[in-house]
Amino acid sequence: MAFSWKLHGDGKTPPLGEAVAPDERLTWPRTIGIGAQHVVAMFGATFVFPIVMGLDPNLAIMMSGIATIIFLLIVNGKIPSYLGTSASFVGGVAAIRAQGGSSADVVGSILIAGAVLALVGLLIHFLGATVVHRVLPPAVTGAVVMLIGFNLAPVVAGIYWPQDQWVALLTMIFVIVCSLVLRGFLSRIAILLGLVFGYLVSWLWDTLGGQITSVTPVSGGKAVPHFRTDFSNVDKADWFGLPHFTTPHFSFNFTLLVLPAVIALIAENAGHVKAVSEMTKRDLDPMLGRAIFADGVATVVSTSVGGSPTTTYAENIGVMAATRVYSTAAYYVAAVVAIVLGLCPKFGALVASTPGGVLGGITVILYGMIGLLGAKIWKENRVDFANPINLVPLAAGIIIAIGNVALNFSSTFSLQGIAFGTIVAVVGWHVARVLAPAELREALRSEAGYYGGTGASGESADPSSVDSLGQPGTNRTTR
């Protein structure tokens, strides 16, 4: 059914109580319109995260379209999804950059992580979905998601915020207000609206007040006068052309820094498949392995040319929920539009010139939300921190990651930050469970989602159920 869709009814908006299935479509003009909505929905996060990772946003947009097509083909069109840029790797990438790594090192490391994710998907496909819960119970998954987010706090404090504290503050306040005051689709793109707002404020202050004196990423730690906005690269860029490609470079040490993100991607793919399953009223559990494998393959393909890592997007689940159109035809349309946008270098240059203060206001929210989504996983699965099995190893892993604690083995190899913290959290939890007395192990079984079971209420818990702004009901952990 990859490229064949039945017309739903008369091809117009489905009546109340009905929905357009993945293998159905509306008329092509309506399908194209819904595909355009999917582009807008994924757009903000898909180009914001490449910027904060130092990658080409134009290439990220283009490869997100290619990745989406790859995903739909691998899952045989049964799971309607858009694959945008993943935020799960932002912490690891920040660590790579801090150690002097280049973009080639970044995409090379993420490529290997994508290959690992694809292999995990194959294992899940053949062994069954319960293996995910056995290796990564909610207590561990929540801790890993939390430490990935909170490890990024120094990036905001040391790089983005100091470039323009007042623009950062105004942008942050604007995003918070938009996410609370606006309703529906507009609230879901509050990050995008905040970026536009901050950009306009920066341009206005440059025009009215002139240069600002502050530290920039290229000033060597010294405060220098500069304009907040710089459009010189935009003027030089062509309207049409290929984005900038980067050949991956592989490093074992750098790869260790991004591998923990694989755990977050497994969790969010599981949440995405479950959400789509509930919305389409179809049992998609047998497709979980395929979905994770497809995400891994898409990440490998994207990073092989210098693009960003990919993941399924909650924003697009929101579009499906609002329109009741789950047709994969609309996703193919969105993918084609994204590819076309990626072929406009001038657009990419405009995005890449986003002022540092604007990124400060946006990332202080984004990074914090990533961390708090880990706490949400704990809450929804009723993780009991009175139980030392959960409390002790996870506490240690989180502090190791936040403090960027290092374990040095030699002058050329060490474990630190996210990588070290994840190992302590995952391995420590399983070791603690083995060593703990029987009553503590038995107490774990009251937690929802423990080893894929149910909690005390008998309801299966969803490992991830928030979107990029913490809106309930769209089943996400992090990008």
Protein backbone atom coordinates (compact mmCIF):
# COMPACT_ATOMS: atom_id res chain seq x y z
CA MET A 1 0.00 0.00 0.00
CA ALA A 2 3.04 2.29 -0.20
CA PHE A 3 1.67 4.47 -2.98
CA SER A 4 -1.97 3.39 -3.28
CA TRP A 5 -4.72 5.03 -1.24
CA LYS A 6 -8.47 4.52 -1.37
CA LEU A 7 -10.60 7.64 -1.55
CA HIS A 8 -12.40 8.12 1.77
CA GLY A 9 -16.10 8.67 1.09
CA ASP A 10 -16.54 11.59 -1.27
CA GLY A 11 -13.00 12.80 -0.58
CA LYS A 12 -14.12 15.73 1.56
CA THR A 13 -13.71 16.33 5.30
CA PRO A 14 -14.69 13.16 7.20
CA PRO A 15 -18.04 13.36 9.03
CA LEU A 16 -18.12 13.62 12.82
CA GLY A 17 -17.01 10.36 14.40
CA GLU A 18 -15.17 9.17 11.27
CA ALA A 19 -11.50 9.35 10.37
CA VAL A 20 -9.36 8.92 7.26
CA ALA A 21 -7.26 5.76 7.70
CA PRO A 22 -3.55 5.56 6.81
CA ASP A 23 -4.36 3.70 3.57
CA GLU A 24 -7.05 6.22 2.57
CA ARG A 25 -6.93 9.82 1.37
CA LEU A 26 -9.10 12.83 0.67
CA THR A 27 -9.09 14.58 -2.69
CA TRP A 28 -5.59 15.59 -3.76
CA PRO A 29 -6.10 19.34 -3.22
CA ARG A 30 -7.24 18.63 0.35
CA THR A 31 -4.43 16.13 0.86
CA ILE A 32 -1.88 18.73 -0.31
CA GLY A 33 -3.37 21.26 2.10
CA ILE A 34 -3.07 18.86 5.04
CA GLY A 35 0.49 18.01 3.95
CA ALA A 36 1.31 21.73 4.11
CA GLN A 37 -0.02 21.80 7.69
CA HIS A 38 2.36 18.98 8.57
CA VAL A 39 5.27 21.02 7.16
CA VAL A 40 4.36 24.01 9.33
CA ALA A 41 3.92 21.77 12.39
CA MET A 42 7.35 20.16 12.13
CA PHE A 43 9.14 23.25 10.92
CA GLY A 44 10.05 25.04 14.14
CA ALA A 45 11.82 22.23 15.97
CA THR A 46 13.31 20.73 12.81
CA PHE A 47 15.41 23.80 12.09
CA VAL A 48 15.91 25.09 15.66
CA PHE A 49 17.72 21.98 16.85
CA PRO A 50 20.25 21.88 13.98
CA ILE A 51 21.11 25.50 14.81
CA VAL A 52 21.84 24.70 18.46
CA MET A 53 23.87 21.66 17.37
CA GLY A 54 25.88 23.71 14.88
CA LEU A 55 24.58 21.81 11.84
CA ASP A 56 23.12 23.08 8.56
CA PRO A 57 19.38 23.79 9.07
CA ASN A 58 18.75 23.76 5.32
CA LEU A 59 20.16 20.27 5.02
CA ALA A 60 18.19 19.20 8.09
CA ILE A 61 14.92 20.31 6.48
CA MET A 62 15.72 18.52 3.22
CA MET A 63 16.86 15.30 4.91
CA SER A 64 13.78 15.29 7.16
CA GLY A 65 11.70 14.90 3.99
CA ILE A 66 13.91 12.06 2.74
CA ALA A 67 13.88 10.45 6.20
CA THR A 68 10.08 10.58 6.31
CA ILE A 69 9.82 8.77 2.97
CA ILE A 70 12.29 6.11 4.18
CA PHE A 71 10.26 5.62 7.36
CA LEU A 72 6.94 5.29 5.54
CA LEU A 73 8.39 2.74 3.12
CA ILE A 74 9.91 0.58 5.87
CA VAL A 75 6.70 0.51 7.96
CA ASN A 76 4.72 -0.16 4.76
CA GLY A 77 2.61 2.94 5.30
CA LYS A 78 0.98 1.55 8.47
CA ILE A 79 2.34 4.21 10.87
CA PRO A 80 1.68 7.78 9.68
CA SER A 81 4.63 9.82 10.94
CA TYR A 82 6.86 12.74 10.08
CA LEU A 83 10.55 12.44 10.97
CA GLY A 84 12.10 15.74 12.05
CA THR A 85 15.29 16.66 13.88
CA SER A 86 15.81 14.89 17.20
CA ALA A 87 16.70 16.88 20.32
CA SER A 88 17.89 13.78 22.15
CA PHE A 89 21.38 14.25 20.75
CA VAL A 90 21.77 17.92 21.69
CA GLY A 91 23.49 17.17 25.01
CA GLY A 92 25.97 14.74 23.48
CA VAL A 93 26.69 17.14 20.63
CA ALA A 94 27.34 19.97 23.10
CA ALA A 95 29.85 17.71 24.86
CA ILE A 96 31.55 16.90 21.54
CA ARG A 97 31.79 20.59 20.67
CA ALA A 98 33.18 21.39 24.13
CA GLN A 99 35.97 18.89 23.51
CA GLY A 100 36.88 20.50 20.20
CA GLY A 101 34.90 18.20 17.94
CA SER A 102 33.91 19.39 14.46
CA SER A 103 30.65 18.94 12.57
CA ALA A 104 32.23 15.91 10.89
CA ASP A 105 32.83 14.39 14.33
CA VAL A 106 29.24 15.19 15.34
CA VAL A 107 27.53 13.58 12.37
CA GLY A 108 29.93 10.62 12.41
CA SER A 109 29.11 9.88 16.04
CA ILE A 110 25.37 10.24 15.48
CA LEU A 111 25.57 8.00 12.41
CA ILE A 112 26.93 5.19 14.58
CA ALA A 113 24.20 5.81 17.14
CA GLY A 114 21.65 5.58 14.32
CA ALA A 115 23.10 2.24 13.28
CA VAL A 116 22.82 1.01 16.87
CA LEU A 117 19.19 2.18 16.97
CA ALA A 118 18.49 0.28 13.75
CA LEU A 119 20.01 -2.91 15.22
CA VAL A 120 17.92 -2.48 18.36
CA GLY A 121 14.85 -2.17 16.14
CA LEU A 122 15.69 -5.48 14.45
CA LEU A 123 16.09 -7.18 17.83
CA ILE A 124 12.74 -5.82 19.02
CA HIS A 125 11.10 -6.94 15.79
CA PHE A 126 12.22 -10.55 16.31
CA LEU A 127 12.14 -10.73 20.13
CA GLY A 128 8.96 -8.74 20.79
CA ALA A 129 8.16 -5.34 22.27
CA THR A 130 8.40 -6.55 25.88
CA VAL A 131 12.19 -6.61 25.61
CA VAL A 132 12.10 -2.80 25.66
CA HIS A 133 10.42 -2.74 29.06
CA ARG A 134 12.73 -5.38 30.47
CA VAL A 135 15.94 -3.57 29.59
CA LEU A 136 14.62 -0.01 29.94
CA PRO A 137 11.85 0.18 32.55
CA PRO A 138 10.18 3.59 33.09
CA ALA A 139 12.39 4.43 36.09
CA VAL A 140 15.53 4.13 33.96
CA THR A 141 14.07 5.74 30.84
CA GLY A 142 12.89 8.76 32.82
CA ALA A 143 16.31 9.19 34.40
CA VAL A 144 18.11 9.08 31.04
CA VAL A 145 15.72 11.60 29.47
CA MET A 146 16.15 13.86 32.50
CA LEU A 147 19.94 13.78 32.55
CA ILE A 148 20.11 14.47 28.79
CA GLY A 149 18.10 17.65 29.28
CA PHE A 150 19.63 18.99 32.47
CA ASN A 151 23.19 18.34 31.27
CA LEU A 152 22.57 21.18 28.79
CA ALA A 153 22.11 23.91 31.42
CA PRO A 154 25.74 25.12 31.14
CA VAL A 155 25.29 25.52 27.36
CA VAL A 156 22.52 28.07 27.93
CA ALA A 157 24.32 29.82 30.78
CA GLY A 158 27.74 29.91 29.15
CA ILE A 159 27.10 30.32 25.42
CA TYR A 160 23.68 31.64 24.38
CA TRP A 161 22.30 33.73 27.25
CA PRO A 162 25.37 35.98 27.75
CA GLN A 163 25.30 37.07 24.08
CA ASP A 164 22.21 39.22 24.76
CA GLN A 165 20.52 38.69 28.10
CA TRP A 166 17.63 41.10 27.47
CA VAL A 167 16.63 39.62 24.11
CA ALA A 168 16.96 36.17 25.69
CA LEU A 169 14.70 37.19 28.58
CA LEU A 170 12.05 38.74 26.30
CA THR A 171 12.10 35.72 23.99
CA MET A 172 11.71 33.34 26.92
CA ILE A 173 8.76 35.32 28.32
CA PHE A 174 7.13 35.49 24.88
CA VAL A 175 7.33 31.70 24.41
CA ILE A 176 5.92 31.06 27.88
CA VAL A 177 3.01 33.44 27.27
CA CYS A 178 2.27 31.98 23.82
CA SER A 179 2.24 28.42 25.13
CA LEU A 180 -0.27 29.39 27.83
CA VAL A 181 -2.48 31.97 26.12
CA LEU A 182 -2.72 30.61 22.58
CA ARG A 183 -4.89 27.62 21.81
CA GLY A 184 -4.74 24.63 19.50
CA PHE A 185 -2.21 24.62 16.71
CA LEU A 186 -0.75 28.05 17.55
CA SER A 187 0.23 26.88 21.03
CA ARG A 188 2.11 23.98 19.44
CA ILE A 189 4.34 26.31 17.43
CA ALA A 190 5.12 28.69 20.32
CA ILE A 191 8.85 27.96 19.89
CA LEU A 192 8.68 29.00 16.24
CA LEU A 193 6.71 32.13 17.12
CA GLY A 194 9.27 32.95 19.81
CA LEU A 195 12.11 32.64 17.34
CA VAL A 196 10.39 35.05 14.92
CA PHE A 197 9.64 37.46 17.80
CA GLY A 198 13.21 37.40 19.08
CA TYR A 199 14.58 37.87 15.57
CA LEU A 200 12.38 40.97 15.07
CA VAL A 201 13.31 42.43 18.48
CA SER A 202 17.02 41.94 17.74
CA TRP A 203 16.70 43.61 14.34
CA LEU A 204 14.70 46.49 15.84
CA TRP A 205 17.24 47.12 18.61
CA ASP A 206 20.09 47.02 16.07
CA THR A 207 18.25 49.61 13.99
CA LEU A 208 17.36 51.94 16.87
CA GLY A 209 20.23 51.42 19.31
CA GLY A 210 23.16 50.19 17.27
CA GLN A 211 25.68 47.56 18.36
CA ILE A 212 25.75 45.61 21.60
CA THR A 213 28.93 44.76 23.52
CA SER A 214 28.95 41.12 24.65
CA VAL A 215 30.75 37.81 24.33
CA THR A 216 30.22 35.94 21.04
CA PRO A 217 31.14 32.35 20.10
CA VAL A 218 34.09 33.65 18.06
CA SER A 219 35.32 36.41 20.39
CA GLY A 220 37.55 34.18 22.50
CA GLY A 221 35.66 34.88 25.71
CA LYS A 222 36.01 38.65 25.40
CA ALA A 223 33.13 41.13 25.18
CA VAL A 224 33.24 42.85 21.80
CA PRO A 225 30.89 45.29 20.02
CA HIS A 226 28.73 43.63 17.35
CA PHE A 227 25.28 43.77 15.80
CA ARG A 228 22.75 41.24 17.03
CA THR A 229 21.71 40.38 13.47
CA ASP A 230 24.03 39.74 10.52
CA PHE A 231 22.48 39.24 7.08
CA SER A 232 25.71 39.21 5.07
CA ASN A 233 25.54 35.46 4.45
CA VAL A 234 21.88 35.76 3.46
CA ASP A 235 22.74 38.30 0.77
CA LYS A 236 25.49 36.06 -0.61
CA ALA A 237 23.36 32.87 -0.67
CA ASP A 238 21.63 31.69 -3.83
CA TRP A 239 17.90 31.20 -4.11
CA PHE A 240 18.30 27.67 -5.44
CA GLY A 241 21.06 25.14 -4.86
CA LEU A 242 22.19 22.18 -2.81
CA PRO A 243 22.79 22.61 0.94
CA HIS A 244 26.24 22.17 2.44
CA PHE A 245 27.19 18.50 2.83
CA THR A 246 29.62 17.20 5.47
CA THR A 247 31.55 13.93 5.33
CA PRO A 248 31.28 12.07 8.68
CA HIS A 249 34.37 11.44 10.77
CA PHE A 250 34.26 8.62 13.30
CA SER A 251 35.64 8.75 16.85
CA PHE A 252 35.05 6.15 19.54
CA ASN A 253 35.24 8.68 22.39
CA PHE A 254 32.78 11.07 20.75
CA THR A 255 30.40 8.22 19.90
CA LEU A 256 30.11 7.33 23.59
CA LEU A 257 28.80 10.84 24.24
CA VAL A 258 25.78 10.44 21.94
CA LEU A 259 24.92 6.75 22.44
CA PRO A 260 22.70 7.45 25.49
CA ALA A 261 20.31 9.27 23.18
CA VAL A 262 19.41 5.88 21.69
CA ILE A 263 17.55 5.09 24.91
CA ALA A 264 15.45 8.23 24.59
CA LEU A 265 14.70 7.48 20.94
CA ILE A 266 13.51 3.96 21.79
CA ALA A 267 11.17 5.39 24.41
CA GLU A 268 9.74 8.11 22.19
CA ASN A 269 9.26 5.78 19.23
CA ALA A 270 7.37 3.42 21.52
CA GLY A 271 5.19 6.31 22.67
CA HIS A 272 4.58 7.43 19.10
CA VAL A 273 3.52 3.97 17.92
CA LYS A 274 1.20 3.63 20.89
CA ALA A 275 -0.37 7.03 20.23
CA VAL A 276 -0.97 6.29 16.56
CA SER A 277 -2.34 2.87 17.49
CA GLU A 278 -4.91 4.45 19.81
CA MET A 279 -5.87 7.12 17.30
CA THR A 280 -6.29 4.75 14.35
CA LYS A 281 -7.82 1.94 16.45
CA ARG A 282 -5.28 -0.54 15.07
CA ASP A 283 -2.89 -2.86 16.89
CA LEU A 284 0.55 -1.57 15.91
CA ASP A 285 2.63 -3.30 18.61
CA PRO A 286 4.03 -5.76 16.02
CA MET A 287 5.28 -2.71 14.08
CA LEU A 288 7.32 -1.22 16.96
CA GLY A 289 10.53 -2.94 15.88
CA ARG A 290 10.06 -1.76 12.32
CA ALA A 291 9.44 1.82 13.47
CA ILE A 292 12.61 1.91 15.58
CA PHE A 293 14.59 0.26 12.78
CA ALA A 294 13.22 2.81 10.30
CA ASP A 295 14.17 5.72 12.58
CA GLY A 296 17.70 4.31 12.89
CA VAL A 297 18.06 3.87 9.13
CA ALA A 298 16.74 7.39 8.52
CA THR A 299 19.28 8.82 10.98
CA VAL A 300 22.10 6.93 9.28
CA VAL A 301 21.08 8.21 5.84
CA SER A 302 20.66 11.79 7.10
CA THR A 303 23.97 12.01 8.95
CA SER A 304 25.89 10.25 6.16
CA VAL A 305 25.75 13.56 4.25
CA GLY A 306 25.98 15.85 7.28
CA GLY A 307 22.30 16.11 8.19
CA SER A 308 20.65 15.96 11.60
CA PRO A 309 19.44 12.92 13.57
CA THR A 310 15.76 12.15 13.13
CA THR A 311 12.81 11.07 15.21
CA THR A 312 9.02 10.84 14.95
CA TYR A 313 7.28 14.14 15.70
CA ALA A 314 4.49 14.82 18.21
CA GLU A 315 3.54 18.08 16.52
CA ASN A 316 2.33 16.10 13.54
CA ILE A 317 0.30 13.82 15.80
CA GLY A 318 -1.43 17.01 16.87
CA VAL A 319 -2.30 17.80 13.25
CA MET A 320 -3.75 14.30 12.82
CA ALA A 321 -5.78 14.63 16.00
CA ALA A 322 -7.19 17.97 14.87
CA THR A 323 -8.02 16.93 11.30
CA ARG A 324 -8.85 13.24 11.91
CA VAL A 325 -6.83 12.54 8.76
CA TYR A 326 -4.24 9.81 9.28
CA SER A 327 -3.51 9.35 5.58
CA THR A 328 0.15 8.66 4.78
CA ALA A 329 -0.44 10.45 1.47
CA ALA A 330 -0.37 13.75 3.36
CA TYR A 331 3.01 12.81 4.84
CA TYR A 332 4.45 12.09 1.42
CA VAL A 333 3.27 15.54 0.36
CA ALA A 334 4.92 17.10 3.43
CA ALA A 335 8.14 15.24 2.70
CA VAL A 336 8.29 16.54 -0.87
CA VAL A 337 7.65 20.12 0.30
CA ALA A 338 10.46 19.82 2.87
CA ILE A 339 12.88 18.57 0.22
CA VAL A 340 12.03 21.56 -2.00
CA LEU A 341 12.55 23.98 0.92
CA GLY A 342 15.94 22.42 1.56
CA LEU A 343 17.02 23.42 -1.93
CA CYS A 344 16.82 27.15 -1.08
CA PRO A 345 20.22 28.19 0.41
CA LYS A 346 19.02 31.75 1.06
CA PHE A 347 16.36 30.42 3.41
CA GLY A 348 18.94 28.29 5.21
CA ALA A 349 21.29 31.25 5.61
CA LEU A 350 18.49 33.31 7.14
CA VAL A 351 17.75 30.56 9.67
CA ALA A 352 21.45 30.05 10.45
CA SER A 353 21.87 33.76 11.26
CA THR A 354 19.50 33.57 14.24
CA PRO A 355 20.93 35.84 17.00
CA GLY A 356 22.51 34.14 19.99
CA GLY A 357 20.25 35.94 22.45
CA VAL A 358 17.18 34.52 20.70
CA LEU A 359 18.61 31.02 21.00
CA GLY A 360 19.26 31.71 24.68
CA GLY A 361 15.60 32.46 25.32
CA ILE A 362 14.45 29.41 23.38
CA THR A 363 16.96 26.85 24.65
CA VAL A 364 16.46 27.75 28.32
CA ILE A 365 12.91 26.43 27.83
CA LEU A 366 13.66 23.56 25.45
CA TYR A 367 16.47 22.07 27.51
CA GLY A 368 14.48 22.36 30.71
CA MET A 369 11.48 20.68 29.10
CA ILE A 370 13.62 17.76 27.97
CA GLY A 371 14.69 17.22 31.56
CA LEU A 372 11.20 17.58 33.01
CA LEU A 373 9.80 15.10 30.51
CA GLY A 374 11.86 12.50 32.33
CA ALA A 375 10.01 13.43 35.52
CA LYS A 376 6.73 13.09 33.65
CA ILE A 377 7.63 9.54 32.65
CA TRP A 378 8.21 8.78 36.34
CA LYS A 379 4.92 10.35 37.37
CA GLU A 380 2.80 8.57 34.76
CA ASN A 381 4.34 5.22 35.64
CA ARG A 382 4.14 5.84 39.41
CA VAL A 383 7.85 5.25 39.97
CA ASP A 384 8.41 4.85 43.72
CA PHE A 385 11.47 6.72 44.96
CA ALA A 386 11.00 5.42 48.46
CA ASN A 387 12.44 2.25 46.96
CA PRO A 388 16.28 2.38 47.04
CA ILE A 389 16.42 0.39 43.79
CA ASN A 390 15.03 3.44 42.01
CA LEU A 391 16.43 6.16 44.23
CA VAL A 392 20.13 5.42 44.67
CA PRO A 393 21.53 4.50 41.21
CA LEU A 394 19.32 6.99 39.35
CA ALA A 395 20.25 9.83 41.70
CA ALA A 396 23.92 9.10 41.14
CA GLY A 397 23.55 8.94 37.35
CA ILE A 398 21.66 12.24 37.14
CA ILE A 399 24.17 14.20 39.23
CA ILE A 400 27.08 12.73 37.26
CA ALA A 401 25.46 13.97 34.04
CA ILE A 402 24.46 17.42 35.32
CA GLY A 403 27.88 18.03 36.89
CA ASN A 404 29.68 16.56 33.85
CA VAL A 405 31.63 14.28 36.19
CA ALA A 406 34.43 12.38 34.41
CA LEU A 407 35.95 8.94 34.90
CA ASN A 408 39.40 9.05 33.31
CA PHE A 409 40.95 5.78 32.13
CA SER A 410 43.87 7.30 30.24
CA SER A 411 44.94 10.56 28.61
CA THR A 412 42.95 9.64 25.50
CA PHE A 413 39.88 7.91 26.91
CA SER A 414 37.38 8.89 29.55
CA LEU A 415 33.69 8.58 30.38
CA GLN A 416 31.93 11.74 31.44
CA GLY A 417 28.68 13.62 31.63
CA ILE A 418 25.78 12.02 29.78
CA ALA A 419 27.66 8.83 28.81
CA PHE A 420 28.95 8.16 32.34
CA GLY A 421 25.64 9.11 33.95
CA THR A 422 23.63 6.87 31.63
CA ILE A 423 25.84 3.85 32.33
CA VAL A 424 25.51 4.41 36.07
CA ALA A 425 21.73 4.80 35.82
CA VAL A 426 21.07 1.81 33.54
CA VAL A 427 23.62 -0.67 34.86
CA GLY A 428 23.24 0.53 38.45
CA TRP A 429 19.47 0.03 38.41
CA HIS A 430 19.72 -3.56 37.15
CA VAL A 431 22.51 -4.40 39.60
CA ALA A 432 20.53 -2.85 42.46
CA ARG A 433 17.47 -4.91 41.50
CA VAL A 434 19.52 -8.11 41.63
CA LEU A 435 21.15 -7.29 44.97
CA ALA A 436 18.04 -5.93 46.70
CA PRO A 437 16.01 -8.06 49.12
CA ALA A 438 12.87 -9.75 47.84
CA GLU A 439 10.44 -7.23 49.39
CA LEU A 440 12.05 -4.32 47.51
CA ARG A 441 11.99 -6.22 44.22
CA GLU A 442 8.36 -7.10 44.77
CA ALA A 443 7.54 -3.45 45.47
CA LEU A 444 8.72 -2.56 41.96
CA ARG A 445 5.84 -4.53 40.47
CA SER A 446 3.34 -1.96 41.69
CA GLU A 447 4.81 0.54 39.22
CA ALA A 448 2.89 0.98 35.98
CA GLY A 449 4.81 -0.23 32.97
CA TYR A 450 7.24 -2.33 35.05
CA TYR A 451 8.63 -4.90 32.62
CA GLY A 452 5.81 -4.13 30.24
CA GLY A 453 3.10 -5.00 32.72
CA THR A 454 0.45 -2.88 34.34
CA GLY A 455 0.35 -0.91 37.51
CA ALA A 456 -1.83 -1.24 40.52
CA SER A 457 -4.79 0.18 38.67
CA GLY A 458 -4.47 -2.39 35.93
CA GLU A 459 -3.97 0.30 33.29
CA SER A 460 -1.01 0.09 30.98
CA ALA A 461 1.06 3.22 31.31
CA ASP A 462 2.34 5.17 28.35
CA PRO A 463 6.08 5.83 28.61
CA SER A 464 5.78 9.21 26.93
CA SER A 465 2.81 11.47 26.51
CA VAL A 466 3.66 15.09 25.99
CA ASP A 467 4.49 17.13 22.94
CA SER A 468 7.31 19.62 22.43
CA LEU A 469 5.63 22.17 24.70
CA GLY A 470 4.46 19.72 27.33
CA GLN A 471 0.92 19.54 25.98
CA PRO A 472 -0.74 16.35 27.23
CA GLY A 473 -1.99 13.58 25.07
CA THR A 474 0.45 13.48 22.14
CA ASN A 475 2.77 10.79 23.49
CA ARG A 476 6.35 12.05 23.45
CA THR A 477 9.39 12.08 25.59
CA THR A 478 11.82 14.30 23.73
CA ARG A 479 12.95 14.92 20.22
